[in-house]
PDB file of N, CA and C in Angstrom:
ATOM      1  N   UNK A   1     -71.674  -1.522   8.889  1.00  0.00           N
ATOM      2  CA  UNK A   1     -71.434  -1.049  10.241  1.00  0.00           C
ATOM      3  C   UNK A   1     -71.843   0.428  10.343  1.00  0.00           C
ATOM      4  N   UNK A   2     -72.538   0.735  11.404  1.00  0.00           N
ATOM      5  CA  UNK A   2     -73.048   2.097  11.599  1.00  0.00           C
ATOM      6  C   UNK A   2     -71.915   3.072  11.934  1.00  0.00           C
ATOM      7  N   UNK A   3     -72.059   4.281  11.469  1.00  0.00           N
ATOM      8  CA  UNK A   3     -71.099   5.344  11.758  1.00  0.00           C
ATOM      9  C   UNK A   3     -71.244   5.759  13.224  1.00  0.00           C
ATOM     10  N   UNK A   4     -70.170   6.178  13.849  1.00  0.00           N
ATOM     11  CA  UNK A   4     -70.178   6.562  15.259  1.00  0.00           C
ATOM     12  C   UNK A   4     -71.161   7.704  15.533  1.00  0.00           C
ATOM     13  N   UNK A   5     -71.315   8.612  14.587  1.00  0.00           N
ATOM     14  CA  UNK A   5     -72.260   9.722  14.764  1.00  0.00           C
ATOM     15  C   UNK A   5     -73.695   9.197  14.749  1.00  0.00           C
ATOM     16  N   UNK A   6     -73.989   8.262  13.851  1.00  0.00           N
ATOM     17  CA  UNK A   6     -75.331   7.686  13.791  1.00  0.00           C
ATOM     18  C   UNK A   6     -75.659   6.955  15.093  1.00  0.00           C
ATOM     19  N   UNK A   7     -74.692   6.245  15.624  1.00  0.00           N
ATOM     20  CA  UNK A   7     -74.893   5.555  16.909  1.00  0.00           C
ATOM     21  C   UNK A   7     -75.156   6.556  18.031  1.00  0.00           C
ATOM     22  N   UNK A   8     -74.372   7.611  18.063  1.00  0.00           N
ATOM     23  CA  UNK A   8     -74.509   8.621  19.121  1.00  0.00           C
ATOM     24  C   UNK A   8     -75.869   9.319  19.042  1.00  0.00           C
ATOM     25  N   UNK A   9     -76.261   9.729  17.850  1.00  0.00           N
ATOM     26  CA  UNK A   9     -77.547  10.399  17.670  1.00  0.00           C
ATOM     27  C   UNK A   9     -78.678   9.451  18.082  1.00  0.00           C
ATOM     28  N   UNK A  10     -78.588   8.192  17.697  1.00  0.00           N
ATOM     29  CA  UNK A  10     -79.601   7.211  18.072  1.00  0.00           C
ATOM     30  C   UNK A  10     -79.706   7.029  19.575  1.00  0.00           C
ATOM     31  N   UNK A  11     -78.561   6.993  20.237  1.00  0.00           N
ATOM     32  CA  UNK A  11     -78.555   6.865  21.702  1.00  0.00           C
ATOM     33  C   UNK A  11     -79.192   8.080  22.368  1.00  0.00           C
ATOM     34  N   UNK A  12     -78.909   9.244  21.816  1.00  0.00           N
ATOM     35  CA  UNK A  12     -79.491  10.474  22.385  1.00  0.00           C
ATOM     36  C   UNK A  12     -81.005  10.520  22.165  1.00  0.00           C
ATOM     37  N   UNK A  13     -81.480  10.013  21.023  1.00  0.00           N
ATOM     38  CA  UNK A  13     -82.926   9.936  20.792  1.00  0.00           C
ATOM     39  C   UNK A  13     -83.542   9.017  21.845  1.00  0.00           C
ATOM     40  N   UNK A  14     -82.965   7.837  22.007  1.00  0.00           N
ATOM     41  CA  UNK A  14     -83.474   6.862  22.983  1.00  0.00           C
ATOM     42  C   UNK A  14     -83.417   7.431  24.397  1.00  0.00           C
ATOM     43  N   UNK A  15     -82.324   8.079  24.744  1.00  0.00           N
ATOM     44  CA  UNK A  15     -82.171   8.651  26.085  1.00  0.00           C
ATOM     45  C   UNK A  15     -83.275   9.654  26.380  1.00  0.00           C
ATOM     46  N   UNK A  16     -83.477  10.580  25.465  1.00  0.00           N
ATOM     47  CA  UNK A  16     -84.490  11.613  25.687  1.00  0.00           C
ATOM     48  C   UNK A  16     -85.896  11.002  25.741  1.00  0.00           C
ATOM     49  N   UNK A  17     -86.165  10.055  24.861  1.00  0.00           N
ATOM     50  CA  UNK A  17     -87.473   9.405  24.833  1.00  0.00           C
ATOM     51  C   UNK A  17     -87.746   8.683  26.142  1.00  0.00           C
ATOM     52  N   UNK A  18     -86.753   7.964  26.666  1.00  0.00           N
ATOM     53  CA  UNK A  18     -86.901   7.263  27.955  1.00  0.00           C
ATOM     54  C   UNK A  18     -87.117   8.253  29.089  1.00  0.00           C
ATOM     55  N   UNK A  19     -86.318   9.328  29.085  1.00  0.00           N
ATOM     56  CA  UNK A  19     -86.410  10.289  30.182  1.00  0.00           C
ATOM     57  C   UNK A  19     -87.775  10.941  30.305  1.00  0.00           C
ATOM     58  N   UNK A  20     -88.426  11.148  29.164  1.00  0.00           N
ATOM     59  CA  UNK A  20     -89.750  11.765  29.240  1.00  0.00           C
ATOM     60  C   UNK A  20     -90.867  10.722  29.240  1.00  0.00           C
ATOM     61  N   UNK A  21     -90.488   9.444  29.242  1.00  0.00           N
ATOM     62  CA  UNK A  21     -91.472   8.372  29.328  1.00  0.00           C
ATOM     63  C   UNK A  21     -92.303   8.170  28.076  1.00  0.00           C
ATOM     64  N   UNK A  22     -91.705   8.416  26.926  1.00  0.00           N
ATOM     65  CA  UNK A  22     -92.423   8.274  25.655  1.00  0.00           C
ATOM     66  C   UNK A  22     -92.064   6.933  25.017  1.00  0.00           C
ATOM     67  N   UNK A  23     -93.047   6.269  24.446  1.00  0.00           N
ATOM     68  CA  UNK A  23     -92.799   5.005  23.752  1.00  0.00           C
ATOM     69  C   UNK A  23     -92.305   5.280  22.337  1.00  0.00           C
ATOM     70  N   UNK A  24     -91.700   4.255  21.743  1.00  0.00           N
ATOM     71  CA  UNK A  24     -91.290   4.369  20.349  1.00  0.00           C
ATOM     72  C   UNK A  24     -92.515   4.589  19.463  1.00  0.00           C
ATOM     73  N   UNK A  25     -93.609   3.927  19.810  1.00  0.00           N
ATOM     74  CA  UNK A  25     -94.842   4.066  19.031  1.00  0.00           C
ATOM     75  C   UNK A  25     -95.334   5.511  19.041  1.00  0.00           C
ATOM     76  N   UNK A  26     -95.341   6.131  20.223  1.00  0.00           N
ATOM     77  CA  UNK A  26     -95.825   7.504  20.345  1.00  0.00           C
ATOM     78  C   UNK A  26     -94.929   8.460  19.550  1.00  0.00           C
ATOM     79  N   UNK A  27     -93.624   8.297  19.678  1.00  0.00           N
ATOM     80  CA  UNK A  27     -92.700   9.155  18.932  1.00  0.00           C
ATOM     81  C   UNK A  27     -92.917   8.978  17.427  1.00  0.00           C
ATOM     82  N   UNK A  28     -93.069   7.740  17.001  1.00  0.00           N
ATOM     83  CA  UNK A  28     -93.293   7.471  15.582  1.00  0.00           C
ATOM     84  C   UNK A  28     -94.567   8.158  15.095  1.00  0.00           C
ATOM     85  N   UNK A  29     -95.620   8.103  15.895  1.00  0.00           N
ATOM     86  CA  UNK A  29     -96.876   8.756  15.520  1.00  0.00           C
ATOM     87  C   UNK A  29     -96.692  10.268  15.396  1.00  0.00           C
ATOM     88  N   UNK A  30     -95.972  10.853  16.346  1.00  0.00           N
ATOM     89  CA  UNK A  30     -95.754  12.299  16.312  1.00  0.00           C
ATOM     90  C   UNK A  30     -94.950  12.728  15.089  1.00  0.00           C
ATOM     91  N   UNK A  31     -94.018  11.866  14.688  1.00  0.00           N
ATOM     92  CA  UNK A  31     -93.133  12.188  13.565  1.00  0.00           C
ATOM     93  C   UNK A  31     -93.752  11.767  12.230  1.00  0.00           C
ATOM     94  N   UNK A  32     -94.723  10.847  12.270  1.00  0.00           N
ATOM     95  CA  UNK A  32     -95.377  10.405  11.046  1.00  0.00           C
ATOM     96  C   UNK A  32     -94.684   9.247  10.349  1.00  0.00           C
ATOM     97  N   UNK A  33     -94.077   8.351  11.150  1.00  0.00           N
ATOM     98  CA  UNK A  33     -93.409   7.175  10.591  1.00  0.00           C
ATOM     99  C   UNK A  33     -93.808   5.947  11.412  1.00  0.00           C
ATOM    100  N   UNK A  34     -93.309   4.789  11.038  1.00  0.00           N
ATOM    101  CA  UNK A  34     -93.576   3.546  11.769  1.00  0.00           C
ATOM    102  C   UNK A  34     -92.576   3.409  12.920  1.00  0.00           C
ATOM    103  N   UNK A  35     -93.006   2.725  13.996  1.00  0.00           N
ATOM    104  CA  UNK A  35     -92.129   2.606  15.159  1.00  0.00           C
ATOM    105  C   UNK A  35     -90.859   1.823  14.841  1.00  0.00           C
ATOM    106  N   UNK A  36     -90.921   0.929  13.835  1.00  0.00           N
ATOM    107  CA  UNK A  36     -89.723   0.173  13.461  1.00  0.00           C
ATOM    108  C   UNK A  36     -88.613   1.106  12.981  1.00  0.00           C
ATOM    109  N   UNK A  37     -89.019   2.218  12.362  1.00  0.00           N
ATOM    110  CA  UNK A  37     -88.021   3.185  11.896  1.00  0.00           C
ATOM    111  C   UNK A  37     -87.343   3.852  13.091  1.00  0.00           C
ATOM    112  N   UNK A  38     -88.122   4.147  14.134  1.00  0.00           N
ATOM    113  CA  UNK A  38     -87.534   4.709  15.360  1.00  0.00           C
ATOM    114  C   UNK A  38     -86.532   3.723  15.937  1.00  0.00           C
ATOM    115  N   UNK A  39     -86.878   2.431  15.949  1.00  0.00           N
ATOM    116  CA  UNK A  39     -85.951   1.403  16.440  1.00  0.00           C
ATOM    117  C   UNK A  39     -84.641   1.445  15.657  1.00  0.00           C
ATOM    118  N   UNK A  40     -84.736   1.560  14.358  1.00  0.00           N
ATOM    119  CA  UNK A  40     -83.542   1.588  13.515  1.00  0.00           C
ATOM    120  C   UNK A  40     -82.713   2.844  13.765  1.00  0.00           C
ATOM    121  N   UNK A  41     -83.376   3.971  13.975  1.00  0.00           N
ATOM    122  CA  UNK A  41     -82.650   5.201  14.311  1.00  0.00           C
ATOM    123  C   UNK A  41     -81.919   5.035  15.636  1.00  0.00           C
ATOM    124  N   UNK A  42     -82.614   4.495  16.632  1.00  0.00           N
ATOM    125  CA  UNK A  42     -82.039   4.390  17.979  1.00  0.00           C
ATOM    126  C   UNK A  42     -80.849   3.438  18.037  1.00  0.00           C
ATOM    127  N   UNK A  43     -80.822   2.436  17.186  1.00  0.00           N
ATOM    128  CA  UNK A  43     -79.687   1.512  17.167  1.00  0.00           C
ATOM    129  C   UNK A  43     -78.569   1.988  16.252  1.00  0.00           C
ATOM    130  N   UNK A  44     -78.838   3.027  15.469  1.00  0.00           N
ATOM    131  CA  UNK A  44     -77.836   3.517  14.529  1.00  0.00           C
ATOM    132  C   UNK A  44     -77.834   2.746  13.232  1.00  0.00           C
ATOM    133  N   UNK A  45     -78.778   1.801  13.067  1.00  0.00           N
ATOM    134  CA  UNK A  45     -78.847   1.002  11.842  1.00  0.00           C
ATOM    135  C   UNK A  45     -79.212   1.875  10.646  1.00  0.00           C
ATOM    136  N   UNK A  46     -80.070   2.881  10.864  1.00  0.00           N
ATOM    137  CA  UNK A  46     -80.436   3.828   9.811  1.00  0.00           C
ATOM    138  C   UNK A  46     -80.039   5.235  10.235  1.00  0.00           C
ATOM    139  N   UNK A  47     -79.605   6.006   9.264  1.00  0.00           N
ATOM    140  CA  UNK A  47     -79.278   7.410   9.520  1.00  0.00           C
ATOM    141  C   UNK A  47     -80.554   8.233   9.557  1.00  0.00           C
ATOM    142  N   UNK A  48     -80.528   9.273  10.388  1.00  0.00           N
ATOM    143  CA  UNK A  48     -81.663  10.174  10.501  1.00  0.00           C
ATOM    144  C   UNK A  48     -81.390  11.369   9.594  1.00  0.00           C
ATOM    145  N   UNK A  49     -82.299  11.648   8.677  1.00  0.00           N
ATOM    146  CA  UNK A  49     -82.116  12.807   7.801  1.00  0.00           C
ATOM    147  C   UNK A  49     -82.273  14.084   8.619  1.00  0.00           C
ATOM    148  N   UNK A  50     -81.801  15.178   8.083  1.00  0.00           N
ATOM    149  CA  UNK A  50     -81.868  16.463   8.781  1.00  0.00           C
ATOM    150  C   UNK A  50     -83.307  16.857   9.085  1.00  0.00           C
ATOM    151  N   UNK A  51     -84.192  16.703   8.122  1.00  0.00           N
ATOM    152  CA  UNK A  51     -85.587  17.091   8.345  1.00  0.00           C
ATOM    153  C   UNK A  51     -86.264  16.181   9.357  1.00  0.00           C
ATOM    154  N   UNK A  52     -85.946  14.896   9.331  1.00  0.00           N
ATOM    155  CA  UNK A  52     -86.520  13.958  10.293  1.00  0.00           C
ATOM    156  C   UNK A  52     -85.972  14.245  11.695  1.00  0.00           C
ATOM    157  N   UNK A  53     -84.693  14.584  11.787  1.00  0.00           N
ATOM    158  CA  UNK A  53     -84.117  14.917  13.086  1.00  0.00           C
ATOM    159  C   UNK A  53     -84.779  16.168  13.652  1.00  0.00           C
ATOM    160  N   UNK A  54     -85.093  17.107  12.783  1.00  0.00           N
ATOM    161  CA  UNK A  54     -85.811  18.319  13.197  1.00  0.00           C
ATOM    162  C   UNK A  54     -87.161  17.943  13.799  1.00  0.00           C
ATOM    163  N   UNK A  55     -87.891  17.050  13.116  1.00  0.00           N
ATOM    164  CA  UNK A  55     -89.207  16.616  13.600  1.00  0.00           C
ATOM    165  C   UNK A  55     -89.094  15.859  14.926  1.00  0.00           C
ATOM    166  N   UNK A  56     -88.082  15.020  15.047  1.00  0.00           N
ATOM    167  CA  UNK A  56     -87.877  14.259  16.279  1.00  0.00           C
ATOM    168  C   UNK A  56     -87.549  15.209  17.422  1.00  0.00           C
ATOM    169  N   UNK A  57     -86.679  16.170  17.167  1.00  0.00           N
ATOM    170  CA  UNK A  57     -86.305  17.143  18.196  1.00  0.00           C
ATOM    171  C   UNK A  57     -87.530  17.902  18.678  1.00  0.00           C
ATOM    172  N   UNK A  58     -88.353  18.321  17.748  1.00  0.00           N
ATOM    173  CA  UNK A  58     -89.572  19.059  18.091  1.00  0.00           C
ATOM    174  C   UNK A  58     -90.516  18.179  18.921  1.00  0.00           C
ATOM    175  N   UNK A  59     -90.650  16.922  18.554  1.00  0.00           N
ATOM    176  CA  UNK A  59     -91.531  15.993  19.268  1.00  0.00           C
ATOM    177  C   UNK A  59     -91.024  15.689  20.673  1.00  0.00           C
ATOM    178  N   UNK A  60     -89.696  15.688  20.837  1.00  0.00           N
ATOM    179  CA  UNK A  60     -89.097  15.386  22.142  1.00  0.00           C
ATOM    180  C   UNK A  60     -88.830  16.642  22.970  1.00  0.00           C
ATOM    181  N   UNK A  61     -89.083  17.806  22.394  1.00  0.00           N
ATOM    182  CA  UNK A  61     -88.925  19.058  23.127  1.00  0.00           C
ATOM    183  C   UNK A  61     -87.495  19.469  23.404  1.00  0.00           C
ATOM    184  N   UNK A  62     -86.616  19.192  22.453  1.00  0.00           N
ATOM    185  CA  UNK A  62     -85.209  19.578  22.598  1.00  0.00           C
ATOM    186  C   UNK A  62     -84.733  20.239  21.302  1.00  0.00           C
ATOM    187  N   UNK A  63     -83.665  21.050  21.373  1.00  0.00           N
ATOM    188  CA  UNK A  63     -83.087  21.599  20.140  1.00  0.00           C
ATOM    189  C   UNK A  63     -82.340  20.492  19.380  1.00  0.00           C
ATOM    190  N   UNK A  64     -82.182  20.651  18.087  1.00  0.00           N
ATOM    191  CA  UNK A  64     -81.497  19.645  17.270  1.00  0.00           C
ATOM    192  C   UNK A  64     -80.088  19.364  17.800  1.00  0.00           C
ATOM    193  N   UNK A  65     -79.420  20.404  18.288  1.00  0.00           N
ATOM    194  CA  UNK A  65     -78.063  20.241  18.809  1.00  0.00           C
ATOM    195  C   UNK A  65     -77.969  19.263  19.972  1.00  0.00           C
ATOM    196  N   UNK A  66     -79.070  19.027  20.666  1.00  0.00           N
ATOM    197  CA  UNK A  66     -79.094  18.088  21.787  1.00  0.00           C
ATOM    198  C   UNK A  66     -78.551  16.722  21.374  1.00  0.00           C
ATOM    199  N   UNK A  67     -78.861  16.292  20.159  1.00  0.00           N
ATOM    200  CA  UNK A  67     -78.485  14.956  19.716  1.00  0.00           C
ATOM    201  C   UNK A  67     -76.993  14.802  19.467  1.00  0.00           C
ATOM    202  N   UNK A  68     -76.283  15.923  19.386  1.00  0.00           N
ATOM    203  CA  UNK A  68     -74.846  15.881  19.143  1.00  0.00           C
ATOM    204  C   UNK A  68     -74.026  16.203  20.395  1.00  0.00           C
ATOM    205  N   UNK A  69     -74.703  16.599  21.474  1.00  0.00           N
ATOM    206  CA  UNK A  69     -74.000  16.912  22.719  1.00  0.00           C
ATOM    207  C   UNK A  69     -73.252  15.682  23.215  1.00  0.00           C
ATOM    208  N   UNK A  70     -72.022  15.900  23.663  1.00  0.00           N
ATOM    209  CA  UNK A  70     -71.195  14.810  24.176  1.00  0.00           C
ATOM    210  C   UNK A  70     -70.447  14.055  23.104  1.00  0.00           C
ATOM    211  N   UNK A  71     -70.653  14.397  21.866  1.00  0.00           N
ATOM    212  CA  UNK A  71     -69.996  13.699  20.761  1.00  0.00           C
ATOM    213  C   UNK A  71     -68.480  13.844  20.835  1.00  0.00           C
ATOM    214  N   UNK A  72     -67.989  15.056  21.055  1.00  0.00           N
ATOM    215  CA  UNK A  72     -66.543  15.266  21.142  1.00  0.00           C
ATOM    216  C   UNK A  72     -65.973  14.567  22.369  1.00  0.00           C
ATOM    217  N   UNK A  73     -66.685  14.628  23.470  1.00  0.00           N
ATOM    218  CA  UNK A  73     -66.224  13.988  24.703  1.00  0.00           C
ATOM    219  C   UNK A  73     -66.127  12.485  24.511  1.00  0.00           C
ATOM    220  N   UNK A  74     -67.130  11.899  23.886  1.00  0.00           N
ATOM    221  CA  UNK A  74     -67.146  10.456  23.649  1.00  0.00           C
ATOM    222  C   UNK A  74     -65.978  10.044  22.766  1.00  0.00           C
ATOM    223  N   UNK A  75     -65.741  10.808  21.702  1.00  0.00           N
ATOM    224  CA  UNK A  75     -64.638  10.500  20.796  1.00  0.00           C
ATOM    225  C   UNK A  75     -63.294  10.636  21.521  1.00  0.00           C
ATOM    226  N   UNK A  76     -63.153  11.662  22.360  1.00  0.00           N
ATOM    227  CA  UNK A  76     -61.909  11.870  23.103  1.00  0.00           C
ATOM    228  C   UNK A  76     -61.641  10.724  24.072  1.00  0.00           C
ATOM    229  N   UNK A  77     -62.694  10.285  24.770  1.00  0.00           N
ATOM    230  CA  UNK A  77     -62.548   9.181  25.734  1.00  0.00           C
ATOM    231  C   UNK A  77     -62.085   7.920  25.027  1.00  0.00           C
ATOM    232  N   UNK A  78     -62.682   7.645  23.876  1.00  0.00           N
ATOM    233  CA  UNK A  78     -62.313   6.434  23.144  1.00  0.00           C
ATOM    234  C   UNK A  78     -60.866   6.519  22.667  1.00  0.00           C
ATOM    235  N   UNK A  79     -60.458   7.703  22.251  1.00  0.00           N
ATOM    236  CA  UNK A  79     -59.095   7.877  21.749  1.00  0.00           C
ATOM    237  C   UNK A  79     -58.058   7.792  22.868  1.00  0.00           C
ATOM    238  N   UNK A  80     -58.420   8.325  24.044  1.00  0.00           N
ATOM    239  CA  UNK A  80     -57.466   8.391  25.141  1.00  0.00           C
ATOM    240  C   UNK A  80     -57.580   7.221  26.114  1.00  0.00           C
ATOM    241  N   UNK A  81     -58.649   6.424  26.011  1.00  0.00           N
ATOM    242  CA  UNK A  81     -58.830   5.305  26.928  1.00  0.00           C
ATOM    243  C   UNK A  81     -59.195   5.791  28.313  1.00  0.00           C
ATOM    244  N   UNK A  82     -60.391   6.300  28.499  1.00  0.00           N
ATOM    245  CA  UNK A  82     -60.866   6.822  29.787  1.00  0.00           C
ATOM    246  C   UNK A  82     -60.833   5.725  30.841  1.00  0.00           C
ATOM    247  N   UNK A  83     -60.245   5.991  31.978  1.00  0.00           N
ATOM    248  CA  UNK A  83     -60.136   5.020  33.055  1.00  0.00           C
ATOM    249  C   UNK A  83     -61.199   5.172  34.121  1.00  0.00           C
ATOM    250  N   UNK A  84     -62.277   5.896  33.858  1.00  0.00           N
ATOM    251  CA  UNK A  84     -63.299   6.114  34.876  1.00  0.00           C
ATOM    252  C   UNK A  84     -64.134   4.863  35.076  1.00  0.00           C
ATOM    253  N   UNK A  85     -64.919   4.882  36.155  1.00  0.00           N
ATOM    254  CA  UNK A  85     -65.791   3.766  36.501  1.00  0.00           C
ATOM    255  C   UNK A  85     -67.123   3.844  35.758  1.00  0.00           C
ATOM    256  N   UNK A  86     -67.380   4.894  35.025  1.00  0.00           N
ATOM    257  CA  UNK A  86     -68.644   5.068  34.322  1.00  0.00           C
ATOM    258  C   UNK A  86     -68.623   4.189  33.071  1.00  0.00           C
ATOM    259  N   UNK A  87     -69.674   3.363  32.871  1.00  0.00           N
ATOM    260  CA  UNK A  87     -69.714   2.525  31.667  1.00  0.00           C
ATOM    261  C   UNK A  87     -69.657   3.366  30.408  1.00  0.00           C
ATOM    262  N   UNK A  88     -69.020   2.849  29.378  1.00  0.00           N
ATOM    263  CA  UNK A  88     -68.879   3.590  28.125  1.00  0.00           C
ATOM    264  C   UNK A  88     -70.233   3.864  27.483  1.00  0.00           C
ATOM    265  N   UNK A  89     -71.180   2.954  27.643  1.00  0.00           N
ATOM    266  CA  UNK A  89     -72.489   3.118  27.024  1.00  0.00           C
ATOM    267  C   UNK A  89     -73.554   3.411  28.071  1.00  0.00           C
ATOM    268  N   UNK A  90     -73.343   4.451  28.839  1.00  0.00           N
ATOM    269  CA  UNK A  90     -74.286   4.817  29.898  1.00  0.00           C
ATOM    270  C   UNK A  90     -75.662   5.114  29.329  1.00  0.00           C
ATOM    271  N   UNK A  91     -75.727   5.737  28.168  1.00  0.00           N
ATOM    272  CA  UNK A  91     -77.014   6.060  27.549  1.00  0.00           C
ATOM    273  C   UNK A  91     -77.766   4.810  27.124  1.00  0.00           C
ATOM    274  N   UNK A  92     -77.049   3.735  26.885  1.00  0.00           N
ATOM    275  CA  UNK A  92     -77.686   2.495  26.469  1.00  0.00           C
ATOM    276  C   UNK A  92     -78.049   1.590  27.625  1.00  0.00           C
ATOM    277  N   UNK A  93     -77.700   1.976  28.839  1.00  0.00           N
ATOM    278  CA  UNK A  93     -77.977   1.173  30.027  1.00  0.00           C
ATOM    279  C   UNK A  93     -79.366   1.518  30.554  1.00  0.00           C
ATOM    280  N   UNK A  94     -80.330   0.604  30.348  1.00  0.00           N
ATOM    281  CA  UNK A  94     -81.714   0.872  30.739  1.00  0.00           C
ATOM    282  C   UNK A  94     -81.831   1.129  32.237  1.00  0.00           C
ATOM    283  N   UNK A  95     -81.085   0.391  33.041  1.00  0.00           N
ATOM    284  CA  UNK A  95     -81.136   0.590  34.490  1.00  0.00           C
ATOM    285  C   UNK A  95     -80.681   2.002  34.867  1.00  0.00           C
ATOM    286  N   UNK A  96     -79.625   2.473  34.235  1.00  0.00           N
ATOM    287  CA  UNK A  96     -79.135   3.827  34.517  1.00  0.00           C
ATOM    288  C   UNK A  96     -80.165   4.863  34.096  1.00  0.00           C
ATOM    289  N   UNK A  97     -80.791   4.664  32.958  1.00  0.00           N
ATOM    290  CA  UNK A  97     -81.795   5.615  32.489  1.00  0.00           C
ATOM    291  C   UNK A  97     -83.032   5.603  33.387  1.00  0.00           C
ATOM    292  N   UNK A  98     -83.420   4.422  33.860  1.00  0.00           N
ATOM    293  CA  UNK A  98     -84.550   4.334  34.800  1.00  0.00           C
ATOM    294  C   UNK A  98     -84.214   5.053  36.095  1.00  0.00           C
ATOM    295  N   UNK A  99     -82.964   4.922  36.538  1.00  0.00           N
ATOM    296  CA  UNK A  99     -82.528   5.600  37.757  1.00  0.00           C
ATOM    297  C   UNK A  99     -82.599   7.115  37.584  1.00  0.00           C
ATOM    298  N   UNK A 100     -82.158   7.613  36.444  1.00  0.00           N
ATOM    299  CA  UNK A 100     -82.196   9.056  36.181  1.00  0.00           C
ATOM    300  C   UNK A 100     -83.642   9.549  36.145  1.00  0.00           C
ATOM    301  N   UNK A 101     -84.511   8.795  35.471  1.00  0.00           N
ATOM    302  CA  UNK A 101     -85.922   9.194  35.404  1.00  0.00           C
ATOM    303  C   UNK A 101     -86.541   9.217  36.805  1.00  0.00           C
ATOM    304  N   UNK A 102     -86.242   8.208  37.599  1.00  0.00           N
ATOM    305  CA  UNK A 102     -86.765   8.152  38.971  1.00  0.00           C
ATOM    306  C   UNK A 102     -86.215   9.296  39.813  1.00  0.00           C
ATOM    307  N   UNK A 103     -84.943   9.599  39.627  1.00  0.00           N
ATOM    308  CA  UNK A 103     -84.300  10.686  40.365  1.00  0.00           C
ATOM    309  C   UNK A 103     -85.028  12.009  40.129  1.00  0.00           C
ATOM    310  N   UNK A 104     -85.343  12.302  38.868  1.00  0.00           N
ATOM    311  CA  UNK A 104     -85.998  13.560  38.557  1.00  0.00           C
ATOM    312  C   UNK A 104     -87.476  13.577  38.927  1.00  0.00           C
ATOM    313  N   UNK A 105     -88.023  12.423  39.281  1.00  0.00           N
ATOM    314  CA  UNK A 105     -89.405  12.367  39.756  1.00  0.00           C
ATOM    315  C   UNK A 105     -89.507  12.736  41.241  1.00  0.00           C
ATOM    316  N   UNK A 106     -88.369  12.757  41.937  1.00  0.00           N
ATOM    317  CA  UNK A 106     -88.328  13.096  43.359  1.00  0.00           C
ATOM    318  C   UNK A 106     -88.410  14.618  43.502  1.00  0.00           C
ATOM    319  N   UNK A 107     -89.160  15.110  44.493  1.00  0.00           N
ATOM    320  CA  UNK A 107     -89.211  16.565  44.711  1.00  0.00           C
ATOM    321  C   UNK A 107     -87.800  17.145  44.892  1.00  0.00           C
ATOM    322  N   UNK A 108     -87.619  18.378  44.436  1.00  0.00           N
ATOM    323  CA  UNK A 108     -86.284  18.982  44.359  1.00  0.00           C
ATOM    324  C   UNK A 108     -85.514  18.984  45.680  1.00  0.00           C
ATOM    325  N   UNK A 109     -86.155  19.340  46.785  1.00  0.00           N
ATOM    326  CA  UNK A 109     -85.449  19.401  48.076  1.00  0.00           C
ATOM    327  C   UNK A 109     -84.929  18.014  48.471  1.00  0.00           C
ATOM    328  N   UNK A 110     -85.753  17.003  48.289  1.00  0.00           N
ATOM    329  CA  UNK A 110     -85.331  15.641  48.619  1.00  0.00           C
ATOM    330  C   UNK A 110     -84.281  15.147  47.639  1.00  0.00           C
ATOM    331  N   UNK A 111     -84.404  15.575  46.386  1.00  0.00           N
ATOM    332  CA  UNK A 111     -83.440  15.188  45.359  1.00  0.00           C
ATOM    333  C   UNK A 111     -82.050  15.707  45.700  1.00  0.00           C
ATOM    334  N   UNK A 112     -81.979  16.955  46.183  1.00  0.00           N
ATOM    335  CA  UNK A 112     -80.672  17.507  46.572  1.00  0.00           C
ATOM    336  C   UNK A 112     -80.052  16.709  47.710  1.00  0.00           C
ATOM    337  N   UNK A 113     -80.885  16.309  48.677  1.00  0.00           N
ATOM    338  CA  UNK A 113     -80.378  15.517  49.807  1.00  0.00           C
ATOM    339  C   UNK A 113     -79.902  14.145  49.339  1.00  0.00           C
ATOM    340  N   UNK A 114     -80.631  13.541  48.428  1.00  0.00           N
ATOM    341  CA  UNK A 114     -80.229  12.251  47.879  1.00  0.00           C
ATOM    342  C   UNK A 114     -78.912  12.381  47.115  1.00  0.00           C
ATOM    343  N   UNK A 115     -78.778  13.466  46.371  1.00  0.00           N
ATOM    344  CA  UNK A 115     -77.542  13.713  45.628  1.00  0.00           C
ATOM    345  C   UNK A 115     -76.353  13.832  46.582  1.00  0.00           C
ATOM    346  N   UNK A 116     -76.528  14.589  47.653  1.00  0.00           N
ATOM    347  CA  UNK A 116     -75.445  14.747  48.635  1.00  0.00           C
ATOM    348  C   UNK A 116     -75.090  13.415  49.286  1.00  0.00           C
ATOM    349  N   UNK A 117     -76.096  12.594  49.586  1.00  0.00           N
ATOM    350  CA  UNK A 117     -75.839  11.267  50.147  1.00  0.00           C
ATOM    351  C   UNK A 117     -75.033  10.429  49.163  1.00  0.00           C
ATOM    352  N   UNK A 118     -75.422  10.448  47.904  1.00  0.00           N
ATOM    353  CA  UNK A 118     -74.701   9.685  46.888  1.00  0.00           C
ATOM    354  C   UNK A 118     -73.258  10.170  46.758  1.00  0.00           C
ATOM    355  N   UNK A 119     -73.070  11.477  46.818  1.00  0.00           N
ATOM    356  CA  UNK A 119     -71.720  12.047  46.730  1.00  0.00           C
ATOM    357  C   UNK A 119     -70.859  11.570  47.913  1.00  0.00           C
ATOM    358  N   UNK A 120     -71.412  11.586  49.114  1.00  0.00           N
ATOM    359  CA  UNK A 120     -70.684  11.133  50.305  1.00  0.00           C
ATOM    360  C   UNK A 120     -70.338   9.644  50.172  1.00  0.00           C
ATOM    361  N   UNK A 121     -71.315   8.851  49.775  1.00  0.00           N
ATOM    362  CA  UNK A 121     -71.074   7.418  49.628  1.00  0.00           C
ATOM    363  C   UNK A 121     -70.017   7.122  48.565  1.00  0.00           C
ATOM    364  N   UNK A 122     -70.015   7.862  47.470  1.00  0.00           N
ATOM    365  CA  UNK A 122     -69.027   7.620  46.423  1.00  0.00           C
ATOM    366  C   UNK A 122     -67.631   8.064  46.858  1.00  0.00           C
ATOM    367  N   UNK A 123     -67.546   9.074  47.723  1.00  0.00           N
ATOM    368  CA  UNK A 123     -66.245   9.508  48.240  1.00  0.00           C
ATOM    369  C   UNK A 123     -65.651   8.489  49.193  1.00  0.00           C
ATOM    370  N   UNK A 124     -66.523   7.765  49.899  1.00  0.00           N
ATOM    371  CA  UNK A 124     -66.081   6.749  50.859  1.00  0.00           C
ATOM    372  C   UNK A 124     -65.540   5.533  50.138  1.00  0.00           C
ATOM    373  N   UNK A 125     -66.166   5.196  49.017  1.00  0.00           N
ATOM    374  CA  UNK A 125     -65.823   3.961  48.288  1.00  0.00           C
ATOM    375  C   UNK A 125     -64.441   3.993  47.703  1.00  0.00           C
TER     376      UNK A 125
END
């Protein structure tokens, strides 16, 4: 069974890769490994070594710390039983990630208006 940190780091790799529209194959080429290894990292089946995580971070354009962001929050939610409507595995939800990518593709002024509309609609619900 994969360690919770390995799962979290894998989800963050997948999240960032999806957000920038990069394939597993492309990331693997940039890092110098096979795409199957990226699959194993993203599922948490294999641990990412420090040097490999450095290479992945560089290829995805983020600092190494990015992969650990939200780790404490996730652990706290699991311990306390978060009652929010947000799915526990939001990073693993392809539809949610596609929505985020599409959102950031919208010009900024329109994006702000869409955000305000979503906020109003969620307050009504």
